[in-house]
C-alpha atoms as a PDB file:
ATOM      1  CA  MET A   1       0.000   0.000   0.000  1.00  0.00           C
ATOM      2  CA  ALA A   2       1.363   3.443  -0.927  1.00  0.00           C
ATOM      3  CA  PHE A   3       2.322   5.643   1.991  1.00  0.00           C
ATOM      4  CA  SER A   4       0.734   9.023   2.498  1.00  0.00           C
ATOM      5  CA  PRO A   5       3.266  11.890   2.320  1.00  0.00           C
ATOM      6  CA  HIS A   6       0.962  13.871   4.615  1.00  0.00           C
ATOM      7  CA  ALA A   7       1.253  11.450   7.569  1.00  0.00           C
ATOM      8  CA  VAL A   8       3.262  12.799  10.521  1.00  0.00           C
ATOM      9  CA  LEU A   9       5.575   9.778  10.719  1.00  0.00           C
ATOM     10  CA  ALA A  10       6.126   9.781   6.963  1.00  0.00           C
ATOM     11  CA  ARG A  11       7.216  13.418   7.001  1.00  0.00           C
ATOM     12  CA  PHE A  12       9.502  12.760   9.985  1.00  0.00           C
ATOM     13  CA  PHE A  13      11.264   9.771   8.401  1.00  0.00           C
ATOM     14  CA  ASN A  14      11.531  11.562   5.079  1.00  0.00           C
ATOM     15  CA  ARG A  15      13.315  14.526   6.696  1.00  0.00           C
ATOM     16  CA  ARG A  16      15.678  12.146   8.482  1.00  0.00           C
ATOM     17  CA  ALA A  17      16.445  10.268   5.249  1.00  0.00           C
ATOM     18  CA  VAL A  18      17.037  13.460   3.244  1.00  0.00           C
ATOM     19  CA  ALA A  19      19.351  14.802   5.942  1.00  0.00           C
ATOM     20  CA  ARG A  20      21.309  11.533   6.069  1.00  0.00           C
ATOM     21  CA  TRP A  21      21.816  11.394   2.303  1.00  0.00           C
ATOM     22  CA  ARG A  22      22.748  15.085   2.154  1.00  0.00           C
ATOM     23  CA  LEU A  23      25.388  14.467   4.817  1.00  0.00           C
ATOM     24  CA  ALA A  24      26.723  11.465   2.910  1.00  0.00           C
ATOM     25  CA  ALA A  25      26.916  13.474  -0.317  1.00  0.00           C
ATOM     26  CA  ASN A  26      28.808  16.283   1.386  1.00  0.00           C
ATOM     27  CA  ALA A  27      31.300  13.824   2.875  1.00  0.00           C
ATOM     28  CA  ALA A  28      31.763  11.711  -0.284  1.00  0.00           C
ATOM     29  CA  ASP A  29      35.118  13.329  -1.188  1.00  0.00           C
ATOM     30  CA  THR A  30      36.767  12.139   2.022  1.00  0.00           C
ATOM     31  CA  ALA A  31      34.709   9.062   2.969  1.00  0.00           C
ATOM     32  CA  ASP A  32      36.296   5.651   3.486  1.00  0.00           C
ATOM     33  CA  LEU A  33      36.178   3.801   0.168  1.00  0.00           C
ATOM     34  CA  THR A  34      34.468   0.741   1.651  1.00  0.00           C
ATOM     35  CA  VAL A  35      31.770   2.924   3.181  1.00  0.00           C
ATOM     36  CA  LEU A  36      31.510   4.930  -0.036  1.00  0.00           C
ATOM     37  CA  GLY A  37      30.989   1.746  -2.059  1.00  0.00           C
ATOM     38  CA  GLN A  38      28.206   0.623   0.248  1.00  0.00           C
ATOM     39  CA  GLN A  39      26.563   4.042   0.001  1.00  0.00           C
ATOM     40  CA  GLN A  40      26.812   3.949  -3.802  1.00  0.00           C
ATOM     41  CA  HIS A  41      25.057   0.570  -3.879  1.00  0.00           C
ATOM     42  CA  MET A  42      22.253   1.804  -1.614  1.00  0.00           C
ATOM     43  CA  ALA A  43      21.889   5.038  -3.599  1.00  0.00           C
ATOM     44  CA  SER A  44      21.598   3.161  -6.905  1.00  0.00           C
ATOM     45  CA  GLN A  45      18.803   1.030  -5.440  1.00  0.00           C
ATOM     46  CA  LEU A  46      16.957   4.198  -4.466  1.00  0.00           C
ATOM     47  CA  LEU A  47      17.699   6.117  -7.635  1.00  0.00           C
ATOM     48  CA  ARG A  48      15.835   3.910 -10.135  1.00  0.00           C
ATOM     49  CA  PRO A  49      12.421   3.899  -8.392  1.00  0.00           C
ATOM     50  CA  LEU A  50      12.760   7.599  -7.561  1.00  0.00           C
ATOM     51  CA  GLN A  51      13.497   8.451 -11.192  1.00  0.00           C
ATOM     52  CA  ARG A  52      10.506   6.365 -12.302  1.00  0.00           C
ATOM     53  CA  LEU A  53       8.287   8.079  -9.730  1.00  0.00           C
ATOM     54  CA  THR A  54       9.511  11.527 -10.791  1.00  0.00           C
ATOM     55  CA  GLU A  55       8.993  10.879 -14.502  1.00  0.00           C
ATOM     56  CA  THR A  56       5.508   9.454 -13.967  1.00  0.00           C
ATOM     57  CA  ALA A  57       4.514  12.285 -11.629  1.00  0.00           C
ATOM     58  CA  GLU A  58       5.779  14.956 -14.027  1.00  0.00           C
ATOM     59  CA  SER A  59       3.785  13.418 -16.862  1.00  0.00           C
ATOM     60  CA  ARG A  60       0.562  12.936 -14.880  1.00  0.00           C
ATOM     61  CA  LEU A  61       0.668  16.326 -13.165  1.00  0.00           C
ATOM     62  CA  ALA A  62       1.617  18.296 -16.275  1.00  0.00           C
ATOM     63  CA  LEU A  63      -1.036  20.247 -18.152  1.00  0.00           C
ATOM     64  CA  PRO A  64      -2.976  19.418 -20.204  1.00  0.00           C
ATOM     65  CA  ARG A  65      -3.954  16.358 -18.188  1.00  0.00           C
ATOM     66  CA  ALA A  66      -3.843  12.935 -19.863  1.00  0.00           C
ATOM     67  CA  GLY A  67      -7.217  11.825 -21.195  1.00  0.00           C
ATOM     68  CA  SER A  68      -8.373  15.351 -21.989  1.00  0.00           C
ATOM     69  CA  THR A  69     -10.973  15.659 -24.741  1.00  0.00           C
ATOM     70  CA  THR A  70     -11.102  19.448 -24.565  1.00  0.00           C
ATOM     71  CA  PHE A  71     -11.072  21.239 -27.912  1.00  0.00           C
ATOM     72  CA  PRO A  72     -13.351  23.759 -29.687  1.00  0.00           C
ATOM     73  CA  ARG A  73     -16.454  22.233 -31.254  1.00  0.00           C
ATOM     74  CA  PRO A  74     -18.669  23.952 -33.832  1.00  0.00           C
ATOM     75  CA  PRO A  75     -22.297  24.687 -32.868  1.00  0.00           C
ATOM     76  CA  GLY A  76     -24.538  21.679 -33.429  1.00  0.00           C
ATOM     77  CA  THR A  77     -21.747  19.111 -33.069  1.00  0.00           C
ATOM     78  CA  ASP A  78     -23.344  15.680 -32.563  1.00  0.00           C
ATOM     79  CA  TRP A  79     -20.138  13.616 -32.489  1.00  0.00           C
ATOM     80  CA  SER A  80     -16.510  14.464 -31.746  1.00  0.00           C
ATOM     81  CA  TRP A  81     -13.329  12.579 -31.023  1.00  0.00           C
ATOM     82  CA  ARG A  82      -9.612  12.951 -30.295  1.00  0.00           C
ATOM     83  CA  PRO A  83      -7.640   9.814 -31.294  1.00  0.00           C
ATOM     84  CA  LYS A  84      -5.789   7.876 -28.620  1.00  0.00           C
ATOM     85  CA  PRO A  85      -2.201   8.905 -29.585  1.00  0.00           C
ATOM     86  CA  TRP A  86      -3.110  12.528 -28.776  1.00  0.00           C
ATOM     87  CA  ARG A  87      -5.256  11.718 -25.733  1.00  0.00           C
ATOM     88  CA  VAL A  88      -3.607   9.087 -23.517  1.00  0.00           C
ATOM     89  CA  ARG A  89      -0.134   7.741 -22.846  1.00  0.00           C
ATOM     90  CA  LEU A  90       0.544   4.748 -25.089  1.00  0.00           C
ATOM     91  CA  PRO A  91       2.180   1.552 -23.781  1.00  0.00           C
ATOM     92  CA  GLU A  92       4.666   1.823 -26.633  1.00  0.00           C
ATOM     93  CA  LYS A  93       6.241   5.273 -26.881  1.00  0.00           C
ATOM     94  CA  GLY A  94       7.163   5.019 -30.513  1.00  0.00           C
ATOM     95  CA  LEU A  95       8.420   3.160 -33.571  1.00  0.00           C
ATOM     96  CA  ALA A  96      12.084   3.318 -34.536  1.00  0.00           C
ATOM     97  CA  PRO A  97      12.294   2.335 -37.271  1.00  0.00           C
ATOM     98  CA  ALA A  98       8.670   2.916 -38.230  1.00  0.00           C
ATOM     99  CA  LEU A  99       8.048   0.051 -40.630  1.00  0.00           C
ATOM    100  CA  SER A 100       5.146   0.243 -43.063  1.00  0.00           C
ATOM    101  CA  LYS A 101       1.760  -0.999 -41.806  1.00  0.00           C
ATOM    102  CA  THR A 102       2.871  -0.826 -38.164  1.00  0.00           C
ATOM    103  CA  ARG A 103       0.269   0.303 -35.619  1.00  0.00           C
ATOM    104  CA  LEU A 104       0.795   2.844 -32.872  1.00  0.00           C
ATOM    105  CA  GLY A 105      -1.873   2.978 -30.180  1.00  0.00           C
ATOM    106  CA  GLY A 106      -4.512   1.018 -32.070  1.00  0.00           C
ATOM    107  CA  ASP A 107      -6.024   4.070 -33.792  1.00  0.00           C
ATOM    108  CA  LEU A 108      -3.072   4.867 -36.041  1.00  0.00           C
ATOM    109  CA  ARG A 109      -0.945   3.091 -38.651  1.00  0.00           C
ATOM    110  CA  ILE A 110       1.929   4.298 -40.795  1.00  0.00           C
ATOM    111  CA  PHE A 111       2.199   3.383 -44.480  1.00  0.00           C
ATOM    112  CA  HIS A 112       5.124   4.018 -46.827  1.00  0.00           C
ATOM    113  CA  ASP A 113       7.155   2.356 -49.548  1.00  0.00           C
ATOM    114  CA  CYS A 114      10.601   3.418 -48.333  1.00  0.00           C
ATOM    115  CA  LYS A 115      13.059   0.518 -48.099  1.00  0.00           C
ATOM    116  CA  ASN A 116      15.549   2.151 -45.755  1.00  0.00           C
ATOM    117  CA  ARG A 117      14.915   2.285 -42.012  1.00  0.00           C
ATOM    118  CA  GLN A 118      15.400   5.990 -41.328  1.00  0.00           C
ATOM    119  CA  ILE A 119      11.832   6.842 -40.285  1.00  0.00           C
ATOM    120  CA  SER A 120      10.743   7.185 -36.662  1.00  0.00           C
ATOM    121  CA  LEU A 121       7.342   7.900 -35.148  1.00  0.00           C
ATOM    122  CA  ARG A 122       6.960   8.545 -31.425  1.00  0.00           C
ATOM    123  CA  GLN A 123       4.531   9.970 -28.932  1.00  0.00           C
ATOM    124  CA  ILE A 124       5.627  13.096 -27.071  1.00  0.00           C
ATOM    125  CA  ARG A 125       4.211  14.950 -24.058  1.00  0.00           C
ATOM    126  CA  ASN A 126       2.742  18.385 -24.764  1.00  0.00           C
ATOM    127  CA  SER A 127       3.385  21.055 -22.143  1.00  0.00           C
ATOM    128  CA  GLY A 128       3.041  24.381 -23.969  1.00  0.00           C
ATOM    129  CA  SER A 129       0.745  27.080 -22.613  1.00  0.00           C
ATOM    130  CA  SER A 130      -1.449  26.859 -25.732  1.00  0.00           C
ATOM    131  CA  ASP A 131      -1.599  23.056 -25.957  1.00  0.00           C
ATOM    132  CA  LEU A 132      -5.021  21.448 -25.505  1.00  0.00           C
ATOM    133  CA  ALA A 133      -4.028  17.870 -26.326  1.00  0.00           C
ATOM    134  CA  PRO A 134      -2.050  16.050 -23.621  1.00  0.00           C
ATOM    135  CA  PHE A 135       0.194  14.326 -26.167  1.00  0.00           C
ATOM    136  CA  GLY A 136       1.517  14.821 -29.671  1.00  0.00           C
ATOM    137  CA  LEU A 137       3.179  12.769 -32.400  1.00  0.00           C
ATOM    138  CA  SER A 138       6.648  13.406 -33.763  1.00  0.00           C
ATOM    139  CA  LEU A 139       7.497  12.042 -37.221  1.00  0.00           C
ATOM    140  CA  GLU A 140      11.175  12.227 -38.200  1.00  0.00           C
ATOM    141  CA  VAL A 141      12.411  11.227 -41.633  1.00  0.00           C
ATOM    142  CA  LEU A 142      16.033  11.223 -42.691  1.00  0.00           C
ATOM    143  CA  ARG A 143      16.815   9.656 -46.048  1.00  0.00           C
ATOM    144  CA  PHE A 144      13.559   8.884 -47.890  1.00  0.00           C
ATOM    145  CA  THR A 145      13.668   6.936 -51.144  1.00  0.00           C
ATOM    146  CA  GLY A 146       9.998   5.993 -51.488  1.00  0.00           C
ATOM    147  CA  ASP A 147       7.072   7.537 -53.340  1.00  0.00           C
ATOM    148  CA  TYR A 148       4.542   7.912 -50.514  1.00  0.00           C
ATOM    149  CA  LEU A 149       4.211   8.229 -46.740  1.00  0.00           C
ATOM    150  CA  SER A 150       0.920   8.462 -44.902  1.00  0.00           C
ATOM    151  CA  LEU A 151      -0.571   8.188 -41.428  1.00  0.00           C
ATOM    152  CA  VAL A 152      -3.902   6.373 -41.340  1.00  0.00           C
ATOM    153  CA  ILE A 153      -6.297   7.092 -38.477  1.00  0.00           C
ATOM    154  CA  GLU A 154      -9.105   4.613 -37.830  1.00  0.00           C
ATOM    155  CA  VAL A 155     -12.266   6.449 -36.746  1.00  0.00           C
ATOM    156  CA  PRO A 156     -14.669   4.807 -34.236  1.00  0.00           C
ATOM    157  CA  PRO A 157     -17.877   3.255 -35.655  1.00  0.00           C
ATOM    158  CA  ALA A 158     -19.927   5.866 -33.760  1.00  0.00           C
ATOM    159  CA  ALA A 159     -18.926   8.408 -36.421  1.00  0.00           C
ATOM    160  CA  CYS A 160     -21.026   6.482 -38.971  1.00  0.00           C
ATOM    161  CA  GLU A 161     -24.104   6.140 -36.764  1.00  0.00           C
ATOM    162  CA  GLY A 162     -26.753   8.544 -38.035  1.00  0.00           C
ATOM    163  CA  LEU A 163     -24.361   9.897 -40.685  1.00  0.00           C
ATOM    164  CA  ARG A 164     -26.156  11.996 -43.308  1.00  0.00           C
ATOM    165  CA  LYS A 165     -25.196  13.905 -46.440  1.00  0.00           C
ATOM    166  CA  LYS A 166     -26.102  17.097 -44.588  1.00  0.00           C
ATOM    167  CA  HIS A 167     -23.116  16.567 -42.277  1.00  0.00           C
ATOM    168  CA  LEU A 168     -19.743  18.253 -42.327  1.00  0.00           C
ATOM    169  CA  ILE A 169     -16.745  16.419 -40.889  1.00  0.00           C
ATOM    170  CA  ARG A 170     -14.171  18.833 -39.536  1.00  0.00           C
ATOM    171  CA  LEU A 171     -10.560  17.801 -39.051  1.00  0.00           C
ATOM    172  CA  ALA A 172      -8.596  20.245 -36.908  1.00  0.00           C
ATOM    173  CA  ALA A 173      -4.911  19.864 -36.116  1.00  0.00           C
ATOM    174  CA  VAL A 174      -1.860  21.681 -34.816  1.00  0.00           C
ATOM    175  CA  ILE A 175       1.095  20.794 -37.031  1.00  0.00           C
ATOM    176  CA  GLU A 176       4.669  22.056 -36.797  1.00  0.00           C
ATOM    177  CA  ARG A 177       6.840  21.484 -39.869  1.00  0.00           C
ATOM    178  CA  GLU A 178      10.631  21.755 -39.679  1.00  0.00           C
ATOM    179  CA  GLN A 179      10.678  22.196 -43.468  1.00  0.00           C
ATOM    180  CA  PRO A 180       7.677  23.350 -45.542  1.00  0.00           C
ATOM    181  CA  THR A 181       5.804  20.378 -46.958  1.00  0.00           C
ATOM    182  CA  LYS A 182       2.341  19.700 -48.314  1.00  0.00           C
ATOM    183  CA  ILE A 183       0.004  17.524 -46.249  1.00  0.00           C
ATOM    184  CA  ASP A 184      -3.224  16.230 -47.782  1.00  0.00           C
ATOM    185  CA  ALA A 185      -6.086  14.855 -45.704  1.00  0.00           C
ATOM    186  CA  ARG A 186      -8.417  12.304 -47.268  1.00  0.00           C
ATOM    187  CA  LEU A 187     -11.685  11.242 -45.671  1.00  0.00           C
ATOM    188  CA  ASN A 188     -12.727   7.682 -46.525  1.00  0.00           C
ATOM    189  CA  ILE A 189     -16.204   6.288 -45.790  1.00  0.00           C
ATOM    190  CA  LEU A 190     -16.991   2.685 -46.584  1.00  0.00           C
ATOM    191  CA  ASN A 191     -20.675   2.412 -47.576  1.00  0.00           C
ATOM    192  CA  GLY A 192     -21.706  -0.913 -49.001  1.00  0.00           C
ATOM    193  CA  PRO A 193     -19.423  -1.983 -51.855  1.00  0.00           C
ATOM    194  CA  ASN A 194     -18.239   1.599 -52.412  1.00  0.00           C
ATOM    195  CA  THR A 195     -15.825   3.894 -50.610  1.00  0.00           C
ATOM    196  CA  GLU A 196     -16.639   7.589 -50.633  1.00  0.00           C
ATOM    197  CA  GLN A 197     -13.447   9.687 -50.683  1.00  0.00           C
ATOM    198  CA  ILE A 198     -12.931  13.421 -50.240  1.00  0.00           C
ATOM    199  CA  LEU A 199      -9.436  14.891 -50.576  1.00  0.00           C
ATOM    200  CA  LEU A 200      -8.440  18.283 -49.139  1.00  0.00           C
ATOM    201  CA  THR A 201      -5.108  20.005 -48.513  1.00  0.00           C
ATOM    202  CA  LEU A 202      -4.358  21.196 -44.993  1.00  0.00           C
ATOM    203  CA  PRO A 203      -3.520  24.923 -44.963  1.00  0.00           C
ATOM    204  CA  ASP A 204       0.076  25.536 -43.875  1.00  0.00           C
ATOM    205  CA  ASP A 205       0.157  29.266 -43.205  1.00  0.00           C
ATOM    206  CA  THR A 206      -0.064  28.649 -39.438  1.00  0.00           C
ATOM    207  CA  ALA A 207       0.445  25.637 -37.144  1.00  0.00           C
ATOM    208  CA  ASP A 208      -3.289  25.615 -36.352  1.00  0.00           C
ATOM    209  CA  THR A 209      -4.976  24.117 -39.379  1.00  0.00           C
ATOM    210  CA  MET A 210      -8.446  22.856 -40.282  1.00  0.00           C
ATOM    211  CA  VAL A 211     -10.450  21.420 -43.176  1.00  0.00           C
ATOM    212  CA  GLU A 212     -14.150  20.595 -43.525  1.00  0.00           C
ATOM    213  CA  PHE A 213     -15.293  17.600 -45.546  1.00  0.00           C
ATOM    214  CA  ASP A 214     -18.729  18.328 -47.005  1.00  0.00           C
ATOM    215  CA  LEU A 215     -20.649  15.106 -47.602  1.00  0.00           C
ATOM    216  CA  ALA A 216     -23.290  16.817 -49.759  1.00  0.00           C
ATOM    217  CA  TYR A 217     -21.118  16.691 -52.870  1.00  0.00           C
ATOM    218  CA  GLY A 218     -20.370  12.976 -52.805  1.00  0.00           C
ATOM    219  CA  GLN A 219     -22.259   9.765 -53.458  1.00  0.00           C
ATOM    220  CA  LEU A 220     -22.654   8.659 -49.851  1.00  0.00           C
ATOM    221  CA  ASN A 221     -25.235   5.952 -49.242  1.00  0.00           C
ATOM    222  CA  GLU A 222     -26.524   7.073 -45.856  1.00  0.00           C
ATOM    223  CA  LYS A 223     -28.077   3.723 -45.017  1.00  0.00           C
ATOM    224  CA  ARG A 224     -24.878   1.747 -45.585  1.00  0.00           C
ATOM    225  CA  ALA A 225     -22.156   3.852 -43.953  1.00  0.00           C
ATOM    226  CA  GLU A 226     -20.048   1.274 -42.103  1.00  0.00           C
ATOM    227  CA  ARG A 227     -16.522   2.507 -41.530  1.00  0.00           C
ATOM    228  CA  MET A 228     -14.547   5.735 -41.629  1.00  0.00           C
ATOM    229  CA  TRP A 229     -10.836   6.497 -41.704  1.00  0.00           C
ATOM    230  CA  ILE A 230      -8.538   9.438 -42.407  1.00  0.00           C
ATOM    231  CA  ASP A 231      -5.350   9.411 -44.487  1.00  0.00           C
ATOM    232  CA  LEU A 232      -2.750  12.098 -43.803  1.00  0.00           C
ATOM    233  CA  MET A 233      -0.508  12.022 -46.870  1.00  0.00           C
ATOM    234  CA  ILE A 234       2.819  13.792 -46.449  1.00  0.00           C
ATOM    235  CA  ALA A 235       4.596  14.994 -49.581  1.00  0.00           C
ATOM    236  CA  ALA A 236       8.398  15.117 -49.815  1.00  0.00           C
ATOM    237  CA  PRO A 237       9.141  13.930 -46.258  1.00  0.00           C
ATOM    238  CA  HIS A 238      12.897  13.644 -46.944  1.00  0.00           C
ATOM    239  CA  MET A 239      15.045  15.220 -44.172  1.00  0.00           C
ATOM    240  CA  ASN A 240      12.081  16.619 -42.292  1.00  0.00           C
ATOM    241  CA  LYS A 241      10.540  16.568 -38.834  1.00  0.00           C
ATOM    242  CA  ILE A 242       6.790  17.003 -38.454  1.00  0.00           C
ATOM    243  CA  VAL A 243       5.202  17.348 -35.020  1.00  0.00           C
ATOM    244  CA  ILE A 244       1.430  16.959 -34.834  1.00  0.00           C
ATOM    245  CA  ARG A 245       0.574  18.553 -31.494  1.00  0.00           C
ATOM    246  CA  ASP A 246      -3.128  17.833 -31.756  1.00  0.00           C
ATOM    247  CA  LEU A 247      -5.647  16.209 -34.050  1.00  0.00           C
ATOM    248  CA  ASN A 248      -9.396  15.981 -33.518  1.00  0.00           C
ATOM    249  CA  LEU A 249     -12.596  15.405 -35.468  1.00  0.00           C
ATOM    250  CA  ALA A 250     -16.085  16.877 -35.138  1.00  0.00           C
ATOM    251  CA  ARG A 251     -19.325  16.090 -36.993  1.00  0.00           C
ATOM    252  CA  TYR A 252     -22.076  18.675 -37.321  1.00  0.00           C
ATOM    253  CA  PRO A 253     -24.904  19.589 -39.727  1.00  0.00           C
ATOM    254  CA  ARG A 254     -24.411  22.153 -42.453  1.00  0.00           C
ATOM    255  CA  ALA A 255     -26.091  25.483 -41.716  1.00  0.00           C
ATOM    256  CA  GLU A 256     -29.489  25.759 -43.372  1.00  0.00           C
ATOM    257  CA  ILE A 257     -29.794  28.573 -45.919  1.00  0.00           C
END
């Protein structure tokens, strides 16, 4: 059972322990080598769990808090979602190398045709004053010899429930590019034997970017919408680092005219 740092005895023993280790550190230059070796062994046993505790505490106590689903939603939003890599800490921190078709966090997969192994994809902790997502994704590419690289985000089935042609699907993101590069976003909706696709380019004039997929102009079969996913297709990724600080989706009806 974890001890409470507020208990009187816990505070007392903690002060005694801190004082003892401070004294040992101050005397390390002149301490007997046998004693110093014993102290080093004891300190190393303490250091590992303390480092783990510190790292975990810093991550959990940092803002924004893990699990946050806070982001602006348009009026009338009837479904919204922030994918897991931007919402919660993943068991696996990243992929290095990031091989094609490999999953990260269940919601996301990377696809490319590059034969070398100089691509990495990892989750990072956001801590900026303007960050709303707890986590971000960092994509680093060194030598790239392929023709395509994309991140595929699987959208929950709830996005297809009650989906109508009157709906807009908004994709909002915060993307930092080390070198200017074009990023296209493609919405894919499986409906029956067909897949409805809408391709838009993410504006790159600022880090905050957004596109709206208008379902009115496609051939969506409302009664057969089964599955939805997003492709983020990154052009010319060679020698570039792209950090996606946030990514979220919202579904809402088009304004009546």
